[in-house]
Amino acid sequence: MLGMLSVPHSIEVNDISLFVGKSLSGSDFVQIVKDQLDQLHADAAGSGQVMSLVLHPFVINQPFRHTYLDQALEHIAQHPGVWLTTSDEIAEHYARTTAGQPA
C-alpha cells in the first residue's frame, strides 16, 4: 500500500483564476482549455500528461457559462487518446502500475 500520492492540480486552468481573478470571458476559457489540451497532448508522445481542469460549482455553474463549459468539455471528450478520469482514478492507476517497482 502506498502512502500519500499527489496528483497535479492547475492554478492556471482553474475557473476561479480565470473568471474571478482575470475576468476572462467564456470564449477565452474555451480557448485556454483547448490550447492547454492540445499542447499537453503533443508533449505526451511516448509518455503521459495530466491536465487538470479545476472547476467550482459556484463559479462555473452560472447559467451564462454553461455553453462555454460544454464547448470545452466537448473538445476534451472528442480528442483522440484522452482518458477522461478523476484524480482518484489516476492515483489508483499509478499505484497499480508501479506496485513492486523500486522507488
C-alpha atoms as a PDB file:
ATOM      1  CA  MET A   1       0.000   0.000   0.000  1.00  0.00           C
ATOM      2  CA  LEU A   2       1.302   3.413  -0.948  1.00  0.00           C
ATOM      3  CA  GLY A   3       1.160   6.376   1.361  1.00  0.00           C
ATOM      4  CA  MET A   4       0.081   9.766   0.149  1.00  0.00           C
ATOM      5  CA  LEU A   5       0.045  10.490  -3.582  1.00  0.00           C
ATOM      6  CA  SER A   6      -0.006  13.935  -5.145  1.00  0.00           C
ATOM      7  CA  VAL A   7      -1.866  14.395  -8.416  1.00  0.00           C
ATOM      8  CA  PRO A   8      -1.081  17.612 -10.335  1.00  0.00           C
ATOM      9  CA  HIS A   9      -3.526  20.444  -9.760  1.00  0.00           C
ATOM     10  CA  SER A  10      -3.554  23.501 -12.000  1.00  0.00           C
ATOM     11  CA  ILE A  11      -3.780  27.026 -10.711  1.00  0.00           C
ATOM     12  CA  GLU A  12      -3.789  28.407 -14.242  1.00  0.00           C
ATOM     13  CA  VAL A  13      -6.591  26.314 -15.758  1.00  0.00           C
ATOM     14  CA  ASN A  14      -8.893  26.998 -12.862  1.00  0.00           C
ATOM     15  CA  ASP A  15     -12.282  28.686 -13.124  1.00  0.00           C
ATOM     16  CA  ILE A  16     -11.629  30.929 -10.112  1.00  0.00           C
ATOM     17  CA  SER A  17      -8.297  32.153 -11.501  1.00  0.00           C
ATOM     18  CA  LEU A  18      -9.682  32.686 -14.988  1.00  0.00           C
ATOM     19  CA  PHE A  19     -13.163  34.069 -14.378  1.00  0.00           C
ATOM     20  CA  VAL A  20     -12.802  35.765 -10.994  1.00  0.00           C
ATOM     21  CA  GLY A  21      -9.090  36.601 -10.880  1.00  0.00           C
ATOM     22  CA  LYS A  22      -8.601  37.630 -14.511  1.00  0.00           C
ATOM     23  CA  SER A  23     -12.200  38.425 -15.525  1.00  0.00           C
ATOM     24  CA  LEU A  24     -11.826  36.422 -18.730  1.00  0.00           C
ATOM     25  CA  SER A  25     -14.769  35.731 -20.990  1.00  0.00           C
ATOM     26  CA  GLY A  26     -16.344  32.353 -21.644  1.00  0.00           C
ATOM     27  CA  SER A  27     -14.795  32.189 -25.102  1.00  0.00           C
ATOM     28  CA  ASP A  28     -11.379  32.923 -23.543  1.00  0.00           C
ATOM     29  CA  PHE A  29     -11.946  29.986 -21.176  1.00  0.00           C
ATOM     30  CA  VAL A  30     -12.732  27.638 -24.072  1.00  0.00           C
ATOM     31  CA  GLN A  31      -9.617  28.721 -25.973  1.00  0.00           C
ATOM     32  CA  ILE A  32      -7.389  28.279 -22.920  1.00  0.00           C
ATOM     33  CA  VAL A  33      -8.725  24.755 -22.318  1.00  0.00           C
ATOM     34  CA  LYS A  34      -8.227  23.837 -25.992  1.00  0.00           C
ATOM     35  CA  ASP A  35      -4.702  25.265 -26.079  1.00  0.00           C
ATOM     36  CA  GLN A  36      -3.761  23.512 -22.820  1.00  0.00           C
ATOM     37  CA  LEU A  37      -5.042  20.137 -24.008  1.00  0.00           C
ATOM     38  CA  ASP A  38      -3.545  20.390 -27.482  1.00  0.00           C
ATOM     39  CA  GLN A  39      -0.091  21.304 -26.133  1.00  0.00           C
ATOM     40  CA  LEU A  40      -0.116  18.632 -23.420  1.00  0.00           C
ATOM     41  CA  HIS A  41      -1.239  16.035 -25.965  1.00  0.00           C
ATOM     42  CA  ALA A  42       1.628  16.995 -28.273  1.00  0.00           C
ATOM     43  CA  ASP A  43       4.093  16.846 -25.344  1.00  0.00           C
ATOM     44  CA  ALA A  44       2.798  13.417 -24.264  1.00  0.00           C
ATOM     45  CA  ALA A  45       4.082  11.461 -27.259  1.00  0.00           C
ATOM     46  CA  GLY A  46       5.549   8.276 -25.765  1.00  0.00           C
ATOM     47  CA  SER A  47       4.504   9.084 -22.217  1.00  0.00           C
ATOM     48  CA  GLY A  48       1.580  10.666 -20.451  1.00  0.00           C
ATOM     49  CA  GLN A  49       0.490  14.035 -19.186  1.00  0.00           C
ATOM     50  CA  VAL A  50      -2.138  15.101 -16.686  1.00  0.00           C
ATOM     51  CA  MET A  51      -4.416  18.013 -17.459  1.00  0.00           C
ATOM     52  CA  SER A  52      -6.481  19.093 -14.531  1.00  0.00           C
ATOM     53  CA  LEU A  53      -9.489  21.255 -15.173  1.00  0.00           C
ATOM     54  CA  VAL A  54     -10.321  22.815 -11.831  1.00  0.00           C
ATOM     55  CA  LEU A  55     -13.995  23.739 -11.565  1.00  0.00           C
ATOM     56  CA  HIS A  56     -16.030  25.145  -8.702  1.00  0.00           C
ATOM     57  CA  PRO A  57     -19.840  24.924  -8.931  1.00  0.00           C
ATOM     58  CA  PHE A  58     -20.367  28.440  -7.569  1.00  0.00           C
ATOM     59  CA  VAL A  59     -18.221  29.826 -10.437  1.00  0.00           C
ATOM     60  CA  ILE A  60     -18.682  27.571 -13.467  1.00  0.00           C
ATOM     61  CA  ASN A  61     -22.329  26.778 -12.716  1.00  0.00           C
ATOM     62  CA  GLN A  62     -23.528  30.265 -13.586  1.00  0.00           C
ATOM     63  CA  PRO A  63     -26.058  29.887 -16.427  1.00  0.00           C
ATOM     64  CA  PHE A  64     -24.169  32.274 -18.727  1.00  0.00           C
ATOM     65  CA  ARG A  65     -21.099  29.993 -18.517  1.00  0.00           C
ATOM     66  CA  HIS A  66     -22.795  26.648 -19.308  1.00  0.00           C
ATOM     67  CA  THR A  67     -22.332  26.939 -23.072  1.00  0.00           C
ATOM     68  CA  TYR A  68     -18.610  27.572 -22.687  1.00  0.00           C
ATOM     69  CA  LEU A  69     -18.075  24.670 -20.312  1.00  0.00           C
ATOM     70  CA  ASP A  70     -19.973  22.423 -22.724  1.00  0.00           C
ATOM     71  CA  GLN A  71     -17.719  23.558 -25.588  1.00  0.00           C
ATOM     72  CA  ALA A  72     -14.553  22.956 -23.584  1.00  0.00           C
ATOM     73  CA  LEU A  73     -15.681  19.513 -22.404  1.00  0.00           C
ATOM     74  CA  GLU A  74     -16.731  18.544 -25.926  1.00  0.00           C
ATOM     75  CA  HIS A  75     -13.256  19.385 -27.226  1.00  0.00           C
ATOM     76  CA  ILE A  76     -11.667  17.302 -24.483  1.00  0.00           C
ATOM     77  CA  ALA A  77     -14.036  14.336 -24.914  1.00  0.00           C
ATOM     78  CA  GLN A  78     -13.595  14.233 -28.701  1.00  0.00           C
ATOM     79  CA  HIS A  79      -9.805  14.477 -28.597  1.00  0.00           C
ATOM     80  CA  PRO A  80      -8.258  11.112 -29.547  1.00  0.00           C
ATOM     81  CA  GLY A  81      -6.236   9.354 -26.884  1.00  0.00           C
ATOM     82  CA  VAL A  82      -7.623  11.304 -23.929  1.00  0.00           C
ATOM     83  CA  TRP A  83      -8.545   9.425 -20.760  1.00  0.00           C
ATOM     84  CA  LEU A  84     -11.421  11.206 -19.023  1.00  0.00           C
ATOM     85  CA  THR A  85     -10.955  10.399 -15.378  1.00  0.00           C
ATOM     86  CA  THR A  86     -10.739  11.666 -11.825  1.00  0.00           C
ATOM     87  CA  SER A  87      -7.766  12.319  -9.569  1.00  0.00           C
ATOM     88  CA  ASP A  88      -8.676   9.229  -7.524  1.00  0.00           C
ATOM     89  CA  GLU A  89      -8.589   7.046 -10.644  1.00  0.00           C
ATOM     90  CA  ILE A  90      -5.209   8.499 -11.643  1.00  0.00           C
ATOM     91  CA  ALA A  91      -3.815   7.697  -8.189  1.00  0.00           C
ATOM     92  CA  GLU A  92      -5.256   4.150  -8.337  1.00  0.00           C
ATOM     93  CA  HIS A  93      -3.756   3.606 -11.802  1.00  0.00           C
ATOM     94  CA  TYR A  94      -0.371   4.856 -10.604  1.00  0.00           C
ATOM     95  CA  ALA A  95      -0.478   2.598  -7.552  1.00  0.00           C
ATOM     96  CA  ARG A  96      -1.405  -0.438  -9.698  1.00  0.00           C
ATOM     97  CA  THR A  97       1.212   0.149 -12.382  1.00  0.00           C
ATOM     98  CA  THR A  98       4.081   0.964 -10.023  1.00  0.00           C
ATOM     99  CA  ALA A  99       3.379  -1.707  -7.387  1.00  0.00           C
ATOM    100  CA  GLY A 100       6.537  -3.645  -6.614  1.00  0.00           C
ATOM    101  CA  GLN A 101       8.812  -1.255  -8.501  1.00  0.00           C
ATOM    102  CA  PRO A 102      11.689   0.303  -6.580  1.00  0.00           C
ATOM    103  CA  ALA A 103      11.235   3.945  -5.677  1.00  0.00           C
END
